[in-house]
């Protein structure tokens, strides 16, 4: 496995891990309804890469990361985003748009652009 990985925890407790690229898309396509947690160790999360995940409740960021606009669009159960100490994270505009349950952002991102949490209930 390469340096850049994404891990997915499913509702049944199992873990699926993938390097960046096709394998991540394959897991998302086949397991999207069961993903409850994503652990990110990649330099960039693409726009709409993890959108519409109905059971996603937590995102853990373990490396310096740039999160593009709409990366987690419409994840209705997302409650918490945790950034590992020392990570330099840039969260772009509307990255968590319509994540209505998002309550906790733990850690200190280096750069948050206006509009990241639009339509998020606090």
C-alpha atoms as a PDB file:
ATOM      1  CA  UNK A   1       0.000   0.000   0.000  1.00  0.00           C
ATOM      2  CA  UNK A   2       1.256   3.471  -0.862  1.00  0.00           C
ATOM      3  CA  UNK A   3       1.711   6.485   1.379  1.00  0.00           C
ATOM      4  CA  UNK A   4      -1.655   8.007   0.487  1.00  0.00           C
ATOM      5  CA  UNK A   5      -4.601   5.985   1.701  1.00  0.00           C
ATOM      6  CA  UNK A   6      -8.234   6.247   2.655  1.00  0.00           C
ATOM      7  CA  UNK A   7      -9.826   3.874   5.168  1.00  0.00           C
ATOM      8  CA  UNK A   8     -13.554   3.280   5.436  1.00  0.00           C
ATOM      9  CA  UNK A   9     -15.287   1.854   8.507  1.00  0.00           C
ATOM     10  CA  UNK A  10     -18.590   0.192   7.667  1.00  0.00           C
ATOM     11  CA  UNK A  11     -21.726  -0.269   9.796  1.00  0.00           C
ATOM     12  CA  UNK A  12     -20.786  -3.907  10.492  1.00  0.00           C
ATOM     13  CA  UNK A  13     -17.454  -2.789  11.980  1.00  0.00           C
ATOM     14  CA  UNK A  14     -15.322  -3.971   9.080  1.00  0.00           C
ATOM     15  CA  UNK A  15     -12.587  -1.756   7.622  1.00  0.00           C
ATOM     16  CA  UNK A  16     -11.781  -1.309   3.939  1.00  0.00           C
ATOM     17  CA  UNK A  17      -8.558   0.485   2.993  1.00  0.00           C
ATOM     18  CA  UNK A  18      -7.487   1.748  -0.417  1.00  0.00           C
ATOM     19  CA  UNK A  19      -4.741   3.716  -2.094  1.00  0.00           C
ATOM     20  CA  UNK A  20      -5.773   6.864  -3.934  1.00  0.00           C
ATOM     21  CA  UNK A  21      -7.494   6.245  -7.229  1.00  0.00           C
ATOM     22  CA  UNK A  22      -9.715   3.575  -8.685  1.00  0.00           C
ATOM     23  CA  UNK A  23      -9.908   1.399  -5.556  1.00  0.00           C
ATOM     24  CA  UNK A  24     -11.391   4.279  -3.524  1.00  0.00           C
ATOM     25  CA  UNK A  25     -14.056   4.798  -6.191  1.00  0.00           C
ATOM     26  CA  UNK A  26     -14.777   1.067  -6.252  1.00  0.00           C
ATOM     27  CA  UNK A  27     -15.343   0.996  -2.466  1.00  0.00           C
ATOM     28  CA  UNK A  28     -17.537   4.094  -2.645  1.00  0.00           C
ATOM     29  CA  UNK A  29     -19.586   2.624  -5.484  1.00  0.00           C
ATOM     30  CA  UNK A  30     -20.192  -0.697  -3.704  1.00  0.00           C
ATOM     31  CA  UNK A  31     -20.359   0.283  -0.016  1.00  0.00           C
ATOM     32  CA  UNK A  32     -21.559   3.897   0.054  1.00  0.00           C
ATOM     33  CA  UNK A  33     -24.695   3.075   2.068  1.00  0.00           C
ATOM     34  CA  UNK A  34     -22.675   1.389   4.826  1.00  0.00           C
ATOM     35  CA  UNK A  35     -19.779   3.837   5.352  1.00  0.00           C
ATOM     36  CA  UNK A  36     -19.881   5.350   8.869  1.00  0.00           C
ATOM     37  CA  UNK A  37     -16.320   6.721   9.175  1.00  0.00           C
ATOM     38  CA  UNK A  38     -13.610   7.808   6.752  1.00  0.00           C
ATOM     39  CA  UNK A  39      -9.948   8.146   7.759  1.00  0.00           C
ATOM     40  CA  UNK A  40      -8.122  10.369   5.284  1.00  0.00           C
ATOM     41  CA  UNK A  41      -4.377  10.327   4.648  1.00  0.00           C
ATOM     42  CA  UNK A  42      -4.269  12.053   1.263  1.00  0.00           C
ATOM     43  CA  UNK A  43      -3.031  15.473   0.108  1.00  0.00           C
ATOM     44  CA  UNK A  44      -6.329  16.438  -1.531  1.00  0.00           C
ATOM     45  CA  UNK A  45      -9.997  15.491  -1.257  1.00  0.00           C
ATOM     46  CA  UNK A  46     -11.647  16.181  -4.606  1.00  0.00           C
ATOM     47  CA  UNK A  47     -14.894  18.070  -5.050  1.00  0.00           C
ATOM     48  CA  UNK A  48     -17.878  15.747  -4.449  1.00  0.00           C
ATOM     49  CA  UNK A  49     -15.554  12.803  -3.737  1.00  0.00           C
ATOM     50  CA  UNK A  50     -17.381  11.780  -0.561  1.00  0.00           C
ATOM     51  CA  UNK A  51     -20.815  13.311  -1.144  1.00  0.00           C
ATOM     52  CA  UNK A  52     -24.202  11.709  -0.492  1.00  0.00           C
ATOM     53  CA  UNK A  53     -22.956   9.146   2.039  1.00  0.00           C
ATOM     54  CA  UNK A  54     -26.162   8.489   4.027  1.00  0.00           C
ATOM     55  CA  UNK A  55     -24.553   6.850   7.104  1.00  0.00           C
ATOM     56  CA  UNK A  56     -21.274   8.792   7.355  1.00  0.00           C
ATOM     57  CA  UNK A  57     -20.974  10.192  10.892  1.00  0.00           C
ATOM     58  CA  UNK A  58     -17.257  10.915  11.294  1.00  0.00           C
ATOM     59  CA  UNK A  59     -14.287  12.038   9.217  1.00  0.00           C
ATOM     60  CA  UNK A  60     -10.743  11.763  10.601  1.00  0.00           C
ATOM     61  CA  UNK A  61      -7.962  13.664   8.829  1.00  0.00           C
ATOM     62  CA  UNK A  62      -4.491  12.274   9.541  1.00  0.00           C
ATOM     63  CA  UNK A  63      -2.289  14.266   7.152  1.00  0.00           C
ATOM     64  CA  UNK A  64      -1.857  17.681   5.555  1.00  0.00           C
ATOM     65  CA  UNK A  65      -4.897  17.915   3.326  1.00  0.00           C
ATOM     66  CA  UNK A  66      -6.734  20.302   1.013  1.00  0.00           C
ATOM     67  CA  UNK A  67     -10.492  19.705   1.039  1.00  0.00           C
ATOM     68  CA  UNK A  68     -12.148  21.055  -2.107  1.00  0.00           C
ATOM     69  CA  UNK A  69     -15.603  22.635  -2.313  1.00  0.00           C
ATOM     70  CA  UNK A  70     -18.514  20.200  -1.935  1.00  0.00           C
ATOM     71  CA  UNK A  71     -16.211  17.301  -0.969  1.00  0.00           C
ATOM     72  CA  UNK A  72     -18.695  16.086   1.657  1.00  0.00           C
ATOM     73  CA  UNK A  73     -21.870  17.551   0.170  1.00  0.00           C
ATOM     74  CA  UNK A  74     -25.133  16.166   1.608  1.00  0.00           C
ATOM     75  CA  UNK A  75     -23.821  13.728   4.204  1.00  0.00           C
ATOM     76  CA  UNK A  76     -26.906  13.953   6.447  1.00  0.00           C
ATOM     77  CA  UNK A  77     -25.492  12.110   9.492  1.00  0.00           C
ATOM     78  CA  UNK A  78     -21.999  13.626   9.545  1.00  0.00           C
ATOM     79  CA  UNK A  79     -21.523  14.908  13.104  1.00  0.00           C
ATOM     80  CA  UNK A  80     -17.777  15.246  13.607  1.00  0.00           C
ATOM     81  CA  UNK A  81     -14.605  16.100  11.705  1.00  0.00           C
ATOM     82  CA  UNK A  82     -11.352  15.451  13.580  1.00  0.00           C
ATOM     83  CA  UNK A  83      -7.970  16.728  12.443  1.00  0.00           C
ATOM     84  CA  UNK A  84      -4.863  15.081  13.851  1.00  0.00           C
ATOM     85  CA  UNK A  85      -2.545  17.412  15.789  1.00  0.00           C
ATOM     86  CA  UNK A  86      -0.048  19.181  13.567  1.00  0.00           C
ATOM     87  CA  UNK A  87      -1.943  18.674  10.315  1.00  0.00           C
ATOM     88  CA  UNK A  88      -2.161  21.637   7.979  1.00  0.00           C
ATOM     89  CA  UNK A  89      -5.678  21.448   6.593  1.00  0.00           C
ATOM     90  CA  UNK A  90      -7.319  23.821   4.140  1.00  0.00           C
ATOM     91  CA  UNK A  91     -11.093  23.566   3.982  1.00  0.00           C
ATOM     92  CA  UNK A  92     -12.445  25.268   0.887  1.00  0.00           C
ATOM     93  CA  UNK A  93     -15.779  26.997   0.488  1.00  0.00           C
ATOM     94  CA  UNK A  94     -18.883  24.814   0.981  1.00  0.00           C
ATOM     95  CA  UNK A  95     -16.854  21.655   1.660  1.00  0.00           C
ATOM     96  CA  UNK A  96     -19.516  20.483   4.138  1.00  0.00           C
ATOM     97  CA  UNK A  97     -22.564  22.006   2.490  1.00  0.00           C
ATOM     98  CA  UNK A  98     -25.865  20.491   3.694  1.00  0.00           C
ATOM     99  CA  UNK A  99     -24.257  18.347   6.391  1.00  0.00           C
ATOM    100  CA  UNK A 100     -27.093  19.231   8.738  1.00  0.00           C
ATOM    101  CA  UNK A 101     -25.855  17.248  11.763  1.00  0.00           C
ATOM    102  CA  UNK A 102     -22.263  18.546  11.757  1.00  0.00           C
ATOM    103  CA  UNK A 103     -21.600  19.733  15.313  1.00  0.00           C
ATOM    104  CA  UNK A 104     -17.894  19.218  16.039  1.00  0.00           C
ATOM    105  CA  UNK A 105     -14.750  20.321  14.236  1.00  0.00           C
ATOM    106  CA  UNK A 106     -11.870  19.056  16.376  1.00  0.00           C
ATOM    107  CA  UNK A 107      -8.342  20.291  15.676  1.00  0.00           C
ATOM    108  CA  UNK A 108      -7.220  23.515  14.117  1.00  0.00           C
ATOM    109  CA  UNK A 109      -7.231  23.829  10.331  1.00  0.00           C
ATOM    110  CA  UNK A 110      -4.730  26.283   8.928  1.00  0.00           C
ATOM    111  CA  UNK A 111      -7.184  27.877   6.517  1.00  0.00           C
ATOM    112  CA  UNK A 112     -10.974  27.889   6.456  1.00  0.00           C
ATOM    113  CA  UNK A 113     -12.620  29.840   3.651  1.00  0.00           C
ATOM    114  CA  UNK A 114     -15.955  31.611   4.086  1.00  0.00           C
ATOM    115  CA  UNK A 115     -19.005  29.456   3.437  1.00  0.00           C
ATOM    116  CA  UNK A 116     -17.637  26.055   4.477  1.00  0.00           C
ATOM    117  CA  UNK A 117     -20.464  25.297   6.828  1.00  0.00           C
ATOM    118  CA  UNK A 118     -23.346  26.959   5.060  1.00  0.00           C
ATOM    119  CA  UNK A 119     -26.656  25.295   6.002  1.00  0.00           C
ATOM    120  CA  UNK A 120     -25.058  23.393   8.874  1.00  0.00           C
ATOM    121  CA  UNK A 121     -27.121  23.364  12.075  1.00  0.00           C
ATOM    122  CA  UNK A 122     -25.147  24.118  15.227  1.00  0.00           C
END
